[in-house]
Amino acid sequence: EMRKKLRRGMVVLKESPTSTKEFDAEICVLKGEGTTIRKSYQAYVHILNVRQSAYARKIELVNKTSSIDMPTTKGEKEDGVVLRPGSRAKVRFEFATRPEYIRPGMRMLFRDGRVRGIGVITGIPNMVSVN
C-alpha cells in the first residue's frame, strides 16, 4: 500500500521539497529531418530519473540563422517560430501529467520519433511546495 505511493525518481530531502509542472530550458535540436518544432510540440523529456511527456509552451530563438519564420493563418496566435536541426532556443516546457522535482542547471534530453535534442534547465517559473 505504501509502496504504491513510491515511484522512480522521487527524492528524500531535509527541507520541504518543491515540485513544478513548468520549467525553462535552453535547448539545441540535434537531429530530426523533416520535422519542425513549434509551440504546443510534445516530446518525451528525460531529466536524470524523471521521464515524462512535456509540451513546448513558449519558444524564443537564441540564434536566428538556423530557423524559419513560418507565415501564420488568420486566427492563429502563434508567433510562427519553427525549430529545425541545428537550432538553439529558449523554451518553456510544461509536464503533461504531474509535477516533478527539478532544479536549474540539470541537463535534459528530449525525443519524439526521429527528433532528438539536448538542453539545460535555466529556470523554474513557479515552484509549488509539497507537504
Foldseek 3Di string as FASTA:
>chain_A
DVVVVDDWQDDDDPDFAWWAQKFKKKKAWAADPPDKAFFQDWWWKDFPRDTAIKGFHDKAFPDPPQWDQDDDDPPDPGRRTIDHHGTIIITMIGTDPDIHGDDFQTKMWIDDVGIIMIITTHGGDDIGTDD
